[in-house]
Every structure is written in structure tokens, then in C-alpha cells.
Amino acid sequence: MVTNIYVGNLPFSASEDQVRQMFEAYGQVNSVKLINDRETGRPRGFGFVEMDGGAAEAIQALNGADCGGRTMKVNEARPRERRERW
């Protein structure tokens, strides 16, 4: 079963490879996607990791861990709430 994990409060300098390496210590990582601002293309400081196994262990171990001087927030991703456009 694939688990989608939210990873927040990342330093803007973090790369997908760095995030992948952190999570691979706990299991198979299927994908890493760091989110960039649509207008500027600059990193927004959060992303998502998909894992097959070891997701619960990764969440427990990495939530609150230091990454580049910032305390990461790591939890299971929730579905995005739909927003109405005007």
C-alpha cells in the first residue's frame, strides 16, 4: 500500500535528492515532489513523499527532526480541500 506523506517546513535550499535520502532510511521511496510557487518558480518549503513500506516509521522518526536548521513537520497527507473560485 502506497502512503502519501506531507513534509513541511523544509529549508528552501532542500533538494528532492536530499529528502529522498532522509526517507530511504525507513523504506522504499516511490517519489518525491517539492512544491514551487507558480508565479516565481521558487521553492515553497514543503513537498510530498510516496512510500510503499516504512511510512509510519519515517513519520514518527522525522516529524520534529532538524533539516538545515528548520524543524520539519511530517505527517500523512490529507486530501486537498476544494476551494471555490470566484
Protein backbone atom coordinates (compact mmCIF):
# COMPACT_ATOMS: atom_id res chain seq x y z
CA MET A 1 0.00 0.00 0.00
CA VAL A 2 1.38 3.40 -1.01
CA THR A 3 1.32 6.14 1.62
CA ASN A 4 1.49 9.82 0.68
CA ILE A 5 3.44 11.83 3.27
CA TYR A 6 3.38 15.61 3.74
CA VAL A 7 6.79 17.14 4.57
CA GLY A 8 6.64 20.76 5.71
CA ASN A 9 8.94 23.50 6.98
CA LEU A 10 11.78 22.41 4.71
CA PRO A 11 14.62 24.84 4.06
CA PHE A 12 14.25 26.49 0.65
CA SER A 13 17.63 25.01 -0.29
CA ALA A 14 16.42 21.40 0.16
CA SER A 15 16.54 19.21 -2.94
CA GLU A 16 14.40 16.22 -3.88
CA ASP A 17 17.52 14.02 -3.61
CA GLN A 18 18.18 15.18 -0.03
CA VAL A 19 14.58 14.49 1.02
CA ARG A 20 14.67 11.09 -0.71
CA GLN A 21 17.82 10.11 1.20
CA MET A 22 16.22 11.01 4.55
CA PHE A 23 13.18 8.84 3.87
CA GLU A 24 15.02 5.91 2.24
CA ALA A 25 16.46 5.05 5.65
CA TYR A 26 12.93 3.81 6.54
CA GLY A 27 11.80 2.07 3.35
CA GLN A 28 11.23 2.19 -0.40
CA VAL A 29 10.56 5.73 -1.68
CA ASN A 30 8.42 5.80 -4.83
CA SER A 31 8.52 9.54 -5.47
CA VAL A 32 9.46 12.92 -4.01
CA LYS A 33 7.80 16.14 -5.14
CA LEU A 34 8.85 19.50 -3.72
CA ILE A 35 6.36 22.30 -4.43
CA ASN A 36 7.40 25.54 -6.15
CA ASP A 37 5.49 28.81 -6.37
CA ARG A 38 3.56 29.04 -9.66
CA GLU A 39 4.47 32.66 -10.33
CA THR A 40 8.09 32.86 -9.20
CA GLY A 41 9.21 29.23 -9.52
CA ARG A 42 10.87 29.48 -6.10
CA PRO A 43 10.53 26.68 -3.52
CA ARG A 44 7.63 26.98 -1.07
CA GLY A 45 9.26 24.91 1.70
CA PHE A 46 7.08 21.82 1.56
CA GLY A 47 6.52 18.71 -0.50
CA PHE A 48 5.24 15.16 -0.64
CA VAL A 49 6.89 11.74 -0.43
CA GLU A 50 5.23 8.49 -1.55
CA MET A 51 6.42 5.32 0.18
CA ASP A 52 5.44 1.64 -0.10
CA GLY A 53 6.57 0.49 3.33
CA GLY A 54 8.06 2.11 6.39
CA ALA A 55 5.93 5.23 6.13
CA ALA A 56 4.73 5.09 9.74
CA GLU A 57 8.30 4.70 10.99
CA ALA A 58 9.50 7.56 8.79
CA ILE A 59 6.73 9.86 10.00
CA GLN A 60 7.46 9.07 13.64
CA ALA A 61 11.22 9.45 13.27
CA LEU A 62 11.32 12.55 11.06
CA ASN A 63 8.46 14.65 12.48
CA GLY A 64 10.22 17.34 14.51
CA ALA A 65 13.66 16.44 13.14
CA ASP A 66 16.11 19.16 12.12
CA CYS A 67 16.71 19.77 8.42
CA GLY A 68 19.01 22.65 7.53
CA GLY A 69 18.27 24.45 10.80
CA ARG A 70 14.47 24.08 10.47
CA THR A 71 12.18 21.71 12.38
CA MET A 72 10.34 19.54 9.86
CA LYS A 73 6.64 18.79 10.11
CA VAL A 74 5.95 15.28 8.78
CA ASN A 75 2.57 13.55 8.70
CA GLU A 76 0.31 11.51 6.46
CA ALA A 77 -1.01 13.76 3.70
CA ARG A 78 -4.71 14.59 3.76
CA PRO A 79 -6.76 15.10 0.61
CA ARG A 80 -6.72 18.68 -0.59
CA GLU A 81 -9.84 20.64 0.26
CA ARG A 82 -11.68 22.00 -2.72
CA ARG A 83 -11.80 25.80 -2.92
CA GLU A 84 -14.37 27.65 -4.91
CA ARG A 85 -13.15 30.18 -7.44
CA TRP A 86 -14.84 33.49 -7.85
